[in-house]
Amino acid sequence: MTTAPHVHHDPKDPPALESPPHRATPAKPSHPPTETAPEQPQPTPNRTPTNSHAKSRLGTIFYILARQLVEVLLGSDTTAALGITINQFPAQIGVCWVFWMILWANAFGNRPTGLNMAVNYAIRTALTLALAVVSFIFYYRFAAEHILHEAAVAPGINGNALGFVDWMVLMTLLYVVGFESLGLRRLMKDDPTVATL
């Protein structure tokens, strides 16, 4: 029978300290937890047409109609010779129309004024458009070649209305605004707010 070896302890030695039991520390998260924001409801798209969309559609309709009108005014031979350049001509008849709308409204009293509002607008629109067509034909068929001596752009037509007629629009604005339609204001005598010469 074996016995455990006897260990001699010196009374002068300090008592041995027992180490506390090891406790595992919880691991710290690498990133602090973030709070998830509540999901916001998405706004429903507005499907009603805006003013810009309506104006865009109106401009497209005007372009299509103006191009058809230009092709009739210039003829098939000239239209074919112009090729893709014909796409510029709705703008050219457009500036002729703008010229007459500005001049008619400011220098000629914007007649008629005494009828129903819808009738007044219809007559003004038809009248200024007719004057624009006459001006367009006169410029391309005669004035550009024989008066202004501009270069030919296709068989039977010369010049570029976007240059000359735009300049005329500027001169018209100067006349009706800067000089107050001098000499033509007597045509506005039915308007009591305008002094007549």
N, C-alpha and C. Protein backbone atom coordinates (compact mmCIF):
# COMPACT_ATOMS: atom_id res chain seq x y z
N MET A 1 0.86 -1.19 0.00
CA MET A 1 0.00 0.00 0.00
C MET A 1 0.88 1.20 0.00
N THR A 2 0.63 2.09 -0.95
CA THR A 2 1.45 3.30 -1.10
C THR A 2 0.79 4.43 -0.40
N THR A 3 1.62 5.32 0.12
CA THR A 3 1.13 6.51 0.83
C THR A 3 1.60 7.72 0.10
N ALA A 4 0.85 8.82 0.20
CA ALA A 4 1.22 10.08 -0.45
C ALA A 4 2.44 10.65 0.20
N PRO A 5 3.35 11.19 -0.57
CA PRO A 5 4.56 11.77 0.02
C PRO A 5 4.22 12.93 0.91
N HIS A 6 4.92 13.04 2.02
CA HIS A 6 4.69 14.11 2.99
C HIS A 6 5.43 15.35 2.55
N VAL A 7 4.70 16.46 2.44
CA VAL A 7 5.30 17.73 2.06
C VAL A 7 5.48 18.56 3.30
N HIS A 8 6.70 19.04 3.52
CA HIS A 8 7.00 19.82 4.73
C HIS A 8 6.74 21.27 4.43
N HIS A 9 5.93 21.92 5.27
CA HIS A 9 5.63 23.35 5.12
C HIS A 9 6.33 24.12 6.20
N ASP A 10 7.02 25.12 5.79
CA ASP A 10 7.67 25.99 6.75
C ASP A 10 6.64 26.96 7.28
N PRO A 11 6.50 27.10 8.57
CA PRO A 11 5.50 28.05 9.11
C PRO A 11 5.77 29.48 8.74
N LYS A 12 7.01 29.79 8.36
CA LYS A 12 7.32 31.18 7.99
C LYS A 12 6.87 31.51 6.58
N ASP A 13 6.62 30.49 5.76
CA ASP A 13 6.19 30.78 4.37
C ASP A 13 4.77 31.33 4.35
N PRO A 14 4.52 32.33 3.47
CA PRO A 14 3.14 32.87 3.39
C PRO A 14 2.21 31.84 2.76
N PRO A 15 0.98 31.89 3.15
CA PRO A 15 0.04 30.93 2.59
C PRO A 15 -0.17 31.16 1.09
N ALA A 16 -0.27 30.08 0.38
CA ALA A 16 -0.46 30.17 -1.07
C ALA A 16 -1.84 30.74 -1.40
N LEU A 17 -1.87 31.65 -2.37
CA LEU A 17 -3.15 32.28 -2.78
C LEU A 17 -3.78 31.45 -3.88
N GLU A 18 -5.06 31.23 -3.74
CA GLU A 18 -5.78 30.49 -4.76
C GLU A 18 -6.27 31.46 -5.84
N SER A 19 -5.98 31.13 -7.08
CA SER A 19 -6.42 32.00 -8.19
C SER A 19 -7.92 31.87 -8.40
N PRO A 20 -8.60 33.01 -8.67
CA PRO A 20 -10.05 32.94 -8.87
C PRO A 20 -10.37 32.15 -10.12
N PRO A 21 -11.51 31.57 -10.15
CA PRO A 21 -11.88 30.80 -11.35
C PRO A 21 -11.99 31.71 -12.57
N HIS A 22 -11.54 31.20 -13.73
CA HIS A 22 -11.55 31.99 -15.00
C HIS A 22 -12.97 32.12 -15.54
N ARG A 23 -13.33 33.34 -15.83
CA ARG A 23 -14.65 33.61 -16.40
C ARG A 23 -14.49 34.13 -17.83
N ALA A 24 -15.19 33.56 -18.75
CA ALA A 24 -15.11 33.99 -20.16
C ALA A 24 -15.88 35.30 -20.34
N THR A 25 -15.19 36.27 -20.95
CA THR A 25 -15.84 37.57 -21.23
C THR A 25 -16.54 37.50 -22.57
N PRO A 26 -17.75 38.06 -22.65
CA PRO A 26 -18.46 38.03 -23.95
C PRO A 26 -17.75 38.89 -24.98
N ALA A 27 -17.71 38.39 -26.22
CA ALA A 27 -17.06 39.14 -27.31
C ALA A 27 -17.89 40.37 -27.65
N LYS A 28 -17.16 41.49 -27.83
CA LYS A 28 -17.83 42.75 -28.20
C LYS A 28 -18.13 42.74 -29.69
N PRO A 29 -19.29 43.22 -30.07
CA PRO A 29 -19.59 43.28 -31.51
C PRO A 29 -18.68 44.27 -32.22
N SER A 30 -18.29 43.91 -33.45
CA SER A 30 -17.38 44.80 -34.20
C SER A 30 -18.06 46.09 -34.59
N HIS A 31 -19.36 46.09 -34.86
CA HIS A 31 -20.09 47.30 -35.24
C HIS A 31 -21.30 47.43 -34.32
N PRO A 32 -21.54 48.64 -33.84
CA PRO A 32 -22.70 48.81 -32.98
C PRO A 32 -23.98 48.55 -33.77
N PRO A 33 -24.97 48.02 -33.14
CA PRO A 33 -26.23 47.75 -33.87
C PRO A 33 -26.88 49.04 -34.32
N THR A 34 -27.34 49.04 -35.53
CA THR A 34 -28.00 50.23 -36.09
C THR A 34 -29.50 50.00 -36.11
N GLU A 35 -30.20 51.10 -35.90
CA GLU A 35 -31.65 51.02 -35.90
C GLU A 35 -32.15 51.19 -37.33
N THR A 36 -33.01 50.36 -37.76
CA THR A 36 -33.57 50.41 -39.11
C THR A 36 -34.71 51.42 -39.13
N ALA A 37 -34.55 52.42 -40.05
CA ALA A 37 -35.59 53.44 -40.15
C ALA A 37 -36.84 52.82 -40.74
N PRO A 38 -37.98 53.25 -40.27
CA PRO A 38 -39.22 52.71 -40.83
C PRO A 38 -39.35 53.05 -42.30
N GLU A 39 -39.82 52.15 -43.09
CA GLU A 39 -39.94 52.35 -44.53
C GLU A 39 -41.01 53.38 -44.83
N GLN A 40 -40.58 54.38 -45.61
CA GLN A 40 -41.50 55.46 -45.95
C GLN A 40 -42.33 55.03 -47.15
N PRO A 41 -43.59 55.40 -47.16
CA PRO A 41 -44.43 55.06 -48.33
C PRO A 41 -43.98 55.84 -49.55
N GLN A 42 -43.88 55.18 -50.68
CA GLN A 42 -43.48 55.81 -51.92
C GLN A 42 -44.64 56.61 -52.50
N PRO A 43 -44.35 57.87 -52.94
CA PRO A 43 -45.44 58.68 -53.53
C PRO A 43 -45.89 58.07 -54.85
N THR A 44 -47.14 58.11 -55.07
CA THR A 44 -47.69 57.59 -56.32
C THR A 44 -47.45 58.61 -57.42
N PRO A 45 -46.99 58.16 -58.60
CA PRO A 45 -46.72 59.12 -59.68
C PRO A 45 -47.99 59.79 -60.15
N ASN A 46 -47.81 61.07 -60.48
CA ASN A 46 -48.94 61.85 -60.98
C ASN A 46 -49.10 61.58 -62.47
N ARG A 47 -50.18 60.97 -62.82
CA ARG A 47 -50.40 60.58 -64.20
C ARG A 47 -51.24 61.59 -64.96
N THR A 48 -51.59 62.68 -64.33
CA THR A 48 -52.35 63.70 -65.04
C THR A 48 -51.41 64.50 -65.91
N PRO A 49 -51.76 64.85 -67.14
CA PRO A 49 -50.86 65.59 -68.03
C PRO A 49 -50.59 66.99 -67.49
N THR A 50 -49.32 67.40 -67.54
CA THR A 50 -48.92 68.72 -67.09
C THR A 50 -49.03 69.70 -68.24
N ASN A 51 -48.83 70.99 -67.90
CA ASN A 51 -48.89 72.02 -68.94
C ASN A 51 -47.80 71.84 -69.97
N SER A 52 -46.60 71.40 -69.52
CA SER A 52 -45.50 71.22 -70.46
C SER A 52 -45.81 70.11 -71.45
N HIS A 53 -46.47 69.03 -70.97
CA HIS A 53 -46.84 67.96 -71.88
C HIS A 53 -47.88 68.43 -72.89
N ALA A 54 -48.83 69.20 -72.42
CA ALA A 54 -49.86 69.71 -73.33
C ALA A 54 -49.25 70.63 -74.38
N LYS A 55 -48.31 71.49 -73.97
CA LYS A 55 -47.65 72.39 -74.92
C LYS A 55 -46.81 71.60 -75.91
N SER A 56 -46.17 70.53 -75.43
CA SER A 56 -45.37 69.71 -76.32
C SER A 56 -46.24 69.06 -77.38
N ARG A 57 -47.40 68.56 -76.99
CA ARG A 57 -48.31 67.96 -77.96
C ARG A 57 -48.81 69.00 -78.95
N LEU A 58 -49.11 70.20 -78.45
CA LEU A 58 -49.59 71.26 -79.34
C LEU A 58 -48.51 71.64 -80.35
N GLY A 59 -47.25 71.73 -79.89
CA GLY A 59 -46.15 72.04 -80.80
C GLY A 59 -45.95 70.96 -81.84
N THR A 60 -46.11 69.70 -81.45
CA THR A 60 -45.98 68.59 -82.40
C THR A 60 -47.07 68.65 -83.47
N ILE A 61 -48.28 68.94 -83.04
CA ILE A 61 -49.39 69.05 -84.00
C ILE A 61 -49.13 70.20 -84.97
N PHE A 62 -48.67 71.34 -84.44
CA PHE A 62 -48.38 72.48 -85.32
C PHE A 62 -47.29 72.13 -86.32
N TYR A 63 -46.26 71.41 -85.86
CA TYR A 63 -45.16 71.04 -86.76
C TYR A 63 -45.66 70.16 -87.90
N ILE A 64 -46.48 69.17 -87.58
CA ILE A 64 -46.97 68.26 -88.61
C ILE A 64 -47.82 69.02 -89.63
N LEU A 65 -48.73 69.87 -89.14
CA LEU A 65 -49.58 70.63 -90.05
C LEU A 65 -48.78 71.63 -90.86
N ALA A 66 -47.81 72.30 -90.23
CA ALA A 66 -47.01 73.29 -90.93
C ALA A 66 -46.15 72.63 -92.01
N ARG A 67 -45.65 71.45 -91.73
CA ARG A 67 -44.85 70.76 -92.75
C ARG A 67 -45.70 70.40 -93.97
N GLN A 68 -46.91 69.92 -93.73
CA GLN A 68 -47.80 69.62 -94.85
C GLN A 68 -48.10 70.87 -95.66
N LEU A 69 -48.33 71.98 -94.97
CA LEU A 69 -48.60 73.24 -95.66
C LEU A 69 -47.40 73.69 -96.48
N VAL A 70 -46.20 73.57 -95.93
CA VAL A 70 -44.99 73.98 -96.64
C VAL A 70 -44.79 73.15 -97.90
N GLU A 71 -45.02 71.86 -97.79
CA GLU A 71 -44.85 70.99 -98.96
C GLU A 71 -45.82 71.37 -100.08
N VAL A 72 -47.03 71.79 -99.71
CA VAL A 72 -47.99 72.23 -100.71
C VAL A 72 -47.53 73.55 -101.33
N LEU A 73 -47.04 74.48 -100.51
CA LEU A 73 -46.63 75.79 -101.01
C LEU A 73 -45.39 75.71 -101.90
N LEU A 74 -44.46 74.84 -101.57
CA LEU A 74 -43.21 74.76 -102.33
C LEU A 74 -43.32 73.84 -103.54
N GLY A 75 -44.20 72.89 -103.51
CA GLY A 75 -44.33 71.96 -104.61
C GLY A 75 -43.48 70.71 -104.42
N SER A 76 -43.82 69.67 -105.15
CA SER A 76 -43.16 68.38 -104.97
C SER A 76 -41.70 68.40 -105.42
N ASP A 77 -41.40 69.11 -106.51
CA ASP A 77 -40.02 69.15 -107.01
C ASP A 77 -39.09 69.82 -106.02
N THR A 78 -39.50 70.96 -105.50
CA THR A 78 -38.67 71.67 -104.52
C THR A 78 -38.55 70.88 -103.23
N THR A 79 -39.64 70.27 -102.80
CA THR A 79 -39.60 69.45 -101.58
C THR A 79 -38.64 68.29 -101.73
N ALA A 80 -38.67 67.63 -102.88
CA ALA A 80 -37.76 66.50 -103.11
C ALA A 80 -36.32 66.97 -103.17
N ALA A 81 -36.06 68.14 -103.75
CA ALA A 81 -34.69 68.66 -103.83
C ALA A 81 -34.16 69.05 -102.45
N LEU A 82 -35.04 69.53 -101.59
CA LEU A 82 -34.60 69.92 -100.25
C LEU A 82 -34.24 68.72 -99.40
N GLY A 83 -34.88 67.59 -99.61
CA GLY A 83 -34.59 66.39 -98.83
C GLY A 83 -34.95 66.58 -97.37
N ILE A 84 -34.01 66.22 -96.48
CA ILE A 84 -34.28 66.32 -95.05
C ILE A 84 -34.34 67.76 -94.57
N THR A 85 -33.83 68.69 -95.37
CA THR A 85 -33.87 70.12 -95.00
C THR A 85 -35.29 70.64 -94.92
N ILE A 86 -36.24 69.94 -95.52
CA ILE A 86 -37.63 70.37 -95.44
C ILE A 86 -38.12 70.42 -94.00
N ASN A 87 -37.44 69.68 -93.11
CA ASN A 87 -37.85 69.68 -91.70
C ASN A 87 -37.65 71.03 -91.03
N GLN A 88 -36.84 71.91 -91.62
CA GLN A 88 -36.61 73.25 -91.06
C GLN A 88 -37.70 74.23 -91.47
N PHE A 89 -38.42 73.93 -92.52
CA PHE A 89 -39.33 74.93 -93.09
C PHE A 89 -40.59 75.19 -92.27
N PRO A 90 -41.09 74.27 -91.45
CA PRO A 90 -42.18 74.66 -90.55
C PRO A 90 -41.80 75.81 -89.62
N ALA A 91 -40.53 75.84 -89.18
CA ALA A 91 -40.08 76.97 -88.35
C ALA A 91 -40.02 78.26 -89.16
N GLN A 92 -39.74 78.14 -90.45
CA GLN A 92 -39.61 79.34 -91.28
C GLN A 92 -40.97 79.96 -91.57
N ILE A 93 -41.97 79.14 -91.80
CA ILE A 93 -43.31 79.73 -91.95
C ILE A 93 -43.82 80.17 -90.58
N GLY A 94 -43.31 79.55 -89.51
CA GLY A 94 -43.69 79.97 -88.16
C GLY A 94 -43.22 81.38 -87.84
N VAL A 95 -41.99 81.74 -88.25
CA VAL A 95 -41.52 83.10 -87.96
C VAL A 95 -42.29 84.13 -88.78
N CYS A 96 -42.74 83.74 -89.98
CA CYS A 96 -43.60 84.66 -90.75
C CYS A 96 -44.91 84.91 -90.01
N TRP A 97 -45.45 83.87 -89.40
CA TRP A 97 -46.69 84.02 -88.63
C TRP A 97 -46.45 84.87 -87.39
N VAL A 98 -45.34 84.65 -86.69
CA VAL A 98 -45.01 85.46 -85.51
C VAL A 98 -44.88 86.93 -85.89
N PHE A 99 -44.26 87.21 -87.03
CA PHE A 99 -44.11 88.59 -87.49
C PHE A 99 -45.47 89.27 -87.60
N TRP A 100 -46.44 88.60 -88.23
CA TRP A 100 -47.74 89.23 -88.42
C TRP A 100 -48.57 89.27 -87.14
N MET A 101 -48.41 88.30 -86.25
CA MET A 101 -49.12 88.36 -84.98
C MET A 101 -48.66 89.55 -84.15
N ILE A 102 -47.34 89.80 -84.12
CA ILE A 102 -46.82 90.94 -83.36
C ILE A 102 -47.29 92.24 -83.99
N LEU A 103 -47.16 92.34 -85.31
CA LEU A 103 -47.52 93.60 -85.98
C LEU A 103 -49.02 93.85 -85.92
N TRP A 104 -49.82 92.81 -86.12
CA TRP A 104 -51.28 93.00 -86.12
C TRP A 104 -51.79 93.40 -84.73
N ALA A 105 -51.26 92.76 -83.70
CA ALA A 105 -51.75 93.04 -82.35
C ALA A 105 -51.32 94.41 -81.85
N ASN A 106 -50.16 94.89 -82.26
CA ASN A 106 -49.61 96.11 -81.69
C ASN A 106 -49.74 97.33 -82.59
N ALA A 107 -49.78 97.13 -83.89
CA ALA A 107 -49.81 98.28 -84.79
C ALA A 107 -51.15 98.47 -85.48
N PHE A 108 -51.97 97.43 -85.55
CA PHE A 108 -53.24 97.51 -86.26
C PHE A 108 -54.44 97.32 -85.34
N GLY A 109 -54.26 97.50 -84.06
CA GLY A 109 -55.38 97.46 -83.13
C GLY A 109 -55.90 96.08 -82.80
N ASN A 110 -55.24 95.03 -83.26
CA ASN A 110 -55.63 93.65 -82.96
C ASN A 110 -57.09 93.39 -83.34
N ARG A 111 -57.50 93.93 -84.48
CA ARG A 111 -58.87 93.74 -84.95
C ARG A 111 -59.11 92.30 -85.39
N PRO A 112 -60.39 91.87 -85.30
CA PRO A 112 -61.57 92.55 -84.76
C PRO A 112 -61.62 92.47 -83.24
N THR A 113 -62.31 93.45 -82.65
CA THR A 113 -62.43 93.50 -81.20
C THR A 113 -63.89 93.55 -80.72
N GLY A 114 -64.83 93.78 -81.63
CA GLY A 114 -66.21 94.00 -81.21
C GLY A 114 -67.10 92.78 -81.29
N LEU A 115 -66.56 91.65 -81.72
CA LEU A 115 -67.39 90.45 -81.86
C LEU A 115 -67.23 89.56 -80.63
N ASN A 116 -67.85 88.40 -80.68
CA ASN A 116 -67.67 87.42 -79.62
C ASN A 116 -66.19 87.06 -79.50
N MET A 117 -65.72 86.77 -78.27
CA MET A 117 -64.31 86.52 -78.06
C MET A 117 -63.78 85.38 -78.93
N ALA A 118 -64.53 84.29 -79.00
CA ALA A 118 -64.09 83.16 -79.81
C ALA A 118 -64.02 83.54 -81.29
N VAL A 119 -64.98 84.33 -81.74
CA VAL A 119 -64.99 84.77 -83.14
C VAL A 119 -63.82 85.71 -83.39
N ASN A 120 -63.55 86.61 -82.45
CA ASN A 120 -62.40 87.51 -82.59
C ASN A 120 -61.11 86.72 -82.74
N TYR A 121 -60.90 85.73 -81.88
CA TYR A 121 -59.68 84.92 -81.94
C TYR A 121 -59.59 84.15 -83.24
N ALA A 122 -60.70 83.59 -83.69
CA ALA A 122 -60.69 82.80 -84.92
C ALA A 122 -60.34 83.67 -86.12
N ILE A 123 -60.91 84.86 -86.19
CA ILE A 123 -60.64 85.75 -87.33
C ILE A 123 -59.19 86.23 -87.29
N ARG A 124 -58.70 86.60 -86.11
CA ARG A 124 -57.31 87.05 -86.01
C ARG A 124 -56.34 85.93 -86.41
N THR A 125 -56.63 84.71 -85.94
CA THR A 125 -55.76 83.58 -86.27
C THR A 125 -55.74 83.33 -87.77
N ALA A 126 -56.92 83.29 -88.39
CA ALA A 126 -57.00 83.02 -89.83
C ALA A 126 -56.36 84.15 -90.63
N LEU A 127 -56.59 85.40 -90.21
CA LEU A 127 -56.06 86.54 -90.95
C LEU A 127 -54.54 86.60 -90.88
N THR A 128 -53.99 86.45 -89.69
CA THR A 128 -52.52 86.52 -89.56
C THR A 128 -51.85 85.31 -90.23
N LEU A 129 -52.50 84.15 -90.20
CA LEU A 129 -51.93 82.98 -90.88
C LEU A 129 -51.94 83.19 -92.39
N ALA A 130 -53.01 83.76 -92.92
CA ALA A 130 -53.07 84.04 -94.36
C ALA A 130 -51.97 85.03 -94.76
N LEU A 131 -51.77 86.07 -93.96
CA LEU A 131 -50.70 87.02 -94.24
C LEU A 131 -49.33 86.36 -94.15
N ALA A 132 -49.18 85.42 -93.22
CA ALA A 132 -47.90 84.70 -93.10
C ALA A 132 -47.64 83.85 -94.33
N VAL A 133 -48.66 83.19 -94.86
CA VAL A 133 -48.49 82.37 -96.06
C VAL A 133 -48.11 83.24 -97.25
N VAL A 134 -48.78 84.38 -97.41
CA VAL A 134 -48.46 85.29 -98.50
C VAL A 134 -47.02 85.79 -98.36
N SER A 135 -46.61 86.14 -97.15
CA SER A 135 -45.25 86.61 -96.92
C SER A 135 -44.22 85.52 -97.20
N PHE A 136 -44.53 84.30 -96.81
CA PHE A 136 -43.63 83.17 -97.05
C PHE A 136 -43.40 82.98 -98.55
N ILE A 137 -44.49 82.97 -99.31
CA ILE A 137 -44.37 82.78 -100.77
C ILE A 137 -43.64 83.96 -101.40
N PHE A 138 -44.01 85.19 -100.99
CA PHE A 138 -43.38 86.36 -101.57
C PHE A 138 -41.88 86.37 -101.30
N TYR A 139 -41.47 86.00 -100.08
CA TYR A 139 -40.05 86.01 -99.75
C TYR A 139 -39.29 84.97 -100.57
N TYR A 140 -39.76 83.74 -100.58
CA TYR A 140 -39.00 82.67 -101.23
C TYR A 140 -39.07 82.69 -102.75
N ARG A 141 -40.19 83.14 -103.28
CA ARG A 141 -40.35 83.11 -104.73
C ARG A 141 -39.88 84.39 -105.41
N PHE A 142 -39.78 85.49 -104.67
CA PHE A 142 -39.42 86.75 -105.34
C PHE A 142 -38.40 87.57 -104.56
N ALA A 143 -38.72 87.95 -103.32
CA ALA A 143 -37.89 88.93 -102.61
C ALA A 143 -36.47 88.42 -102.37
N ALA A 144 -36.32 87.17 -101.97
CA ALA A 144 -34.99 86.66 -101.63
C ALA A 144 -34.06 86.69 -102.83
N GLU A 145 -34.60 86.43 -104.03
CA GLU A 145 -33.75 86.41 -105.22
C GLU A 145 -33.60 87.79 -105.85
N HIS A 146 -34.70 88.49 -106.06
CA HIS A 146 -34.66 89.71 -106.87
C HIS A 146 -34.42 90.98 -106.06
N ILE A 147 -34.72 90.97 -104.77
CA ILE A 147 -34.51 92.17 -103.94
C ILE A 147 -33.30 92.00 -103.04
N LEU A 148 -33.22 90.88 -102.34
CA LEU A 148 -32.14 90.65 -101.38
C LEU A 148 -30.93 89.94 -101.99
N HIS A 149 -31.11 89.38 -103.20
CA HIS A 149 -30.02 88.69 -103.92
C HIS A 149 -29.38 87.59 -103.06
N GLU A 150 -30.21 86.80 -102.44
CA GLU A 150 -29.72 85.68 -101.64
C GLU A 150 -29.53 84.45 -102.52
N ALA A 151 -28.70 83.54 -102.05
CA ALA A 151 -28.35 82.36 -102.83
C ALA A 151 -29.52 81.40 -102.93
N ALA A 152 -29.53 80.63 -104.01
CA ALA A 152 -30.56 79.62 -104.20
C ALA A 152 -30.30 78.44 -103.26
N VAL A 153 -31.37 77.87 -102.72
CA VAL A 153 -31.25 76.71 -101.84
C VAL A 153 -31.90 75.47 -102.44
N ALA A 154 -32.76 75.67 -103.43
CA ALA A 154 -33.43 74.56 -104.11
C ALA A 154 -34.06 75.14 -105.38
N PRO A 155 -34.44 74.31 -106.32
CA PRO A 155 -35.07 74.84 -107.54
C PRO A 155 -36.29 75.69 -107.23
N GLY A 156 -36.23 76.95 -107.62
CA GLY A 156 -37.38 77.84 -107.48
C GLY A 156 -37.41 78.66 -106.22
N ILE A 157 -36.52 78.44 -105.23
CA ILE A 157 -36.53 79.24 -104.01
C ILE A 157 -35.12 79.68 -103.66
N ASN A 158 -35.05 80.84 -103.02
CA ASN A 158 -33.78 81.41 -102.56
C ASN A 158 -33.92 81.84 -101.11
N GLY A 159 -32.78 81.98 -100.42
CA GLY A 159 -32.74 82.59 -99.10
C GLY A 159 -33.05 81.64 -97.96
N ASN A 160 -33.24 82.27 -96.80
CA ASN A 160 -33.54 81.54 -95.56
C ASN A 160 -34.35 82.47 -94.67
N ALA A 161 -35.62 82.14 -94.49
CA ALA A 161 -36.51 83.02 -93.72
C ALA A 161 -36.10 83.10 -92.26
N LEU A 162 -35.42 82.09 -91.74
CA LEU A 162 -35.00 82.14 -90.34
C LEU A 162 -33.98 83.25 -90.11
N GLY A 163 -33.34 83.71 -91.15
CA GLY A 163 -32.42 84.83 -91.01
C GLY A 163 -33.12 86.16 -91.22
N PHE A 164 -33.68 86.36 -92.41
CA PHE A 164 -34.25 87.66 -92.74
C PHE A 164 -35.52 87.96 -91.95
N VAL A 165 -36.44 87.01 -91.86
CA VAL A 165 -37.71 87.28 -91.18
C VAL A 165 -37.49 87.43 -89.67
N ASP A 166 -36.54 86.70 -89.11
CA ASP A 166 -36.20 86.93 -87.69
C ASP A 166 -35.73 88.36 -87.48
N TRP A 167 -34.95 88.86 -88.41
CA TRP A 167 -34.51 90.26 -88.33
C TRP A 167 -35.70 91.20 -88.44
N MET A 168 -36.68 90.87 -89.29
CA MET A 168 -37.89 91.68 -89.41
C MET A 168 -38.70 91.65 -88.12
N VAL A 169 -38.75 90.50 -87.46
CA VAL A 169 -39.44 90.41 -86.17
C VAL A 169 -38.79 91.34 -85.16
N LEU A 170 -37.45 91.36 -85.15
CA LEU A 170 -36.75 92.25 -84.22
C LEU A 170 -37.05 93.71 -84.53
N MET A 171 -37.06 94.09 -85.80
CA MET A 171 -37.38 95.46 -86.19
C MET A 171 -38.83 95.81 -85.84
N THR A 172 -39.73 94.83 -85.96
CA THR A 172 -41.13 95.06 -85.60
C THR A 172 -41.28 95.33 -84.11
N LEU A 173 -40.57 94.55 -83.29
CA LEU A 173 -40.61 94.80 -81.85
C LEU A 173 -40.06 96.17 -81.51
N LEU A 174 -38.99 96.57 -82.18
CA LEU A 174 -38.43 97.90 -81.95
C LEU A 174 -39.45 98.99 -82.34
N TYR A 175 -40.17 98.75 -83.43
CA TYR A 175 -41.14 99.73 -83.91
C TYR A 175 -42.34 99.84 -82.97
N VAL A 176 -42.90 98.70 -82.56
CA VAL A 176 -44.12 98.76 -81.77
C VAL A 176 -43.85 99.07 -80.30
N VAL A 177 -42.65 98.74 -79.81
CA VAL A 177 -42.33 99.01 -78.41
C VAL A 177 -41.56 100.31 -78.26
N GLY A 178 -40.48 100.43 -79.02
CA GLY A 178 -39.65 101.63 -78.89
C GLY A 178 -40.30 102.89 -79.44
N PHE A 179 -41.00 102.75 -80.59
CA PHE A 179 -41.61 103.91 -81.23
C PHE A 179 -43.13 103.91 -81.11
N GLU A 180 -43.68 102.98 -80.32
CA GLU A 180 -45.11 102.93 -80.03
C GLU A 180 -45.96 102.94 -81.30
N SER A 181 -45.54 102.18 -82.30
CA SER A 181 -46.29 102.04 -83.57
C SER A 181 -46.56 103.41 -84.19
N LEU A 182 -45.54 104.23 -84.24
CA LEU A 182 -45.67 105.60 -84.75
C LEU A 182 -46.25 105.59 -86.17
N GLY A 183 -47.33 106.37 -86.36
CA GLY A 183 -47.96 106.47 -87.67
C GLY A 183 -49.12 105.51 -87.87
N LEU A 184 -49.17 104.43 -87.10
CA LEU A 184 -50.26 103.47 -87.23
C LEU A 184 -51.18 103.45 -86.02
N ARG A 185 -50.88 104.24 -85.01
CA ARG A 185 -51.69 104.21 -83.80
C ARG A 185 -53.08 104.78 -84.03
N ARG A 186 -53.28 105.51 -85.11
CA ARG A 186 -54.63 106.01 -85.40
C ARG A 186 -55.59 104.86 -85.68
N LEU A 187 -55.06 103.69 -86.04
CA LEU A 187 -55.91 102.53 -86.26
C LEU A 187 -56.43 101.94 -84.96
N MET A 188 -55.89 102.41 -83.83
CA MET A 188 -56.31 101.92 -82.53
C MET A 188 -57.23 102.92 -81.83
N LYS A 189 -57.89 103.79 -82.58
CA LYS A 189 -58.70 104.85 -81.99
C LYS A 189 -59.92 104.31 -81.25
N ASP A 190 -60.31 103.03 -81.53
CA ASP A 190 -61.44 102.49 -80.81
C ASP A 190 -61.08 102.08 -79.41
N ASP A 191 -59.79 102.13 -79.05
CA ASP A 191 -59.34 101.80 -77.69
C ASP A 191 -59.20 103.10 -76.91
N PRO A 192 -60.06 103.38 -75.93
CA PRO A 192 -60.00 104.67 -75.23
C PRO A 192 -58.75 104.84 -74.39
N THR A 193 -58.03 103.77 -74.11
CA THR A 193 -56.84 103.91 -73.26
C THR A 193 -55.61 104.32 -74.06
N VAL A 194 -55.72 104.37 -75.38
CA VAL A 194 -54.59 104.70 -76.22
C VAL A 194 -54.81 106.09 -76.83
N ALA A 195 -53.84 106.94 -76.66
CA ALA A 195 -53.91 108.27 -77.25
C ALA A 195 -53.70 108.18 -78.76
N THR A 196 -54.47 108.91 -79.53
CA THR A 196 -54.35 108.87 -80.99
C THR A 196 -53.62 110.10 -81.47
N LEU A 197 -53.01 109.96 -82.65
CA LEU A 197 -52.29 111.09 -83.24
C LEU A 197 -53.23 111.98 -84.02
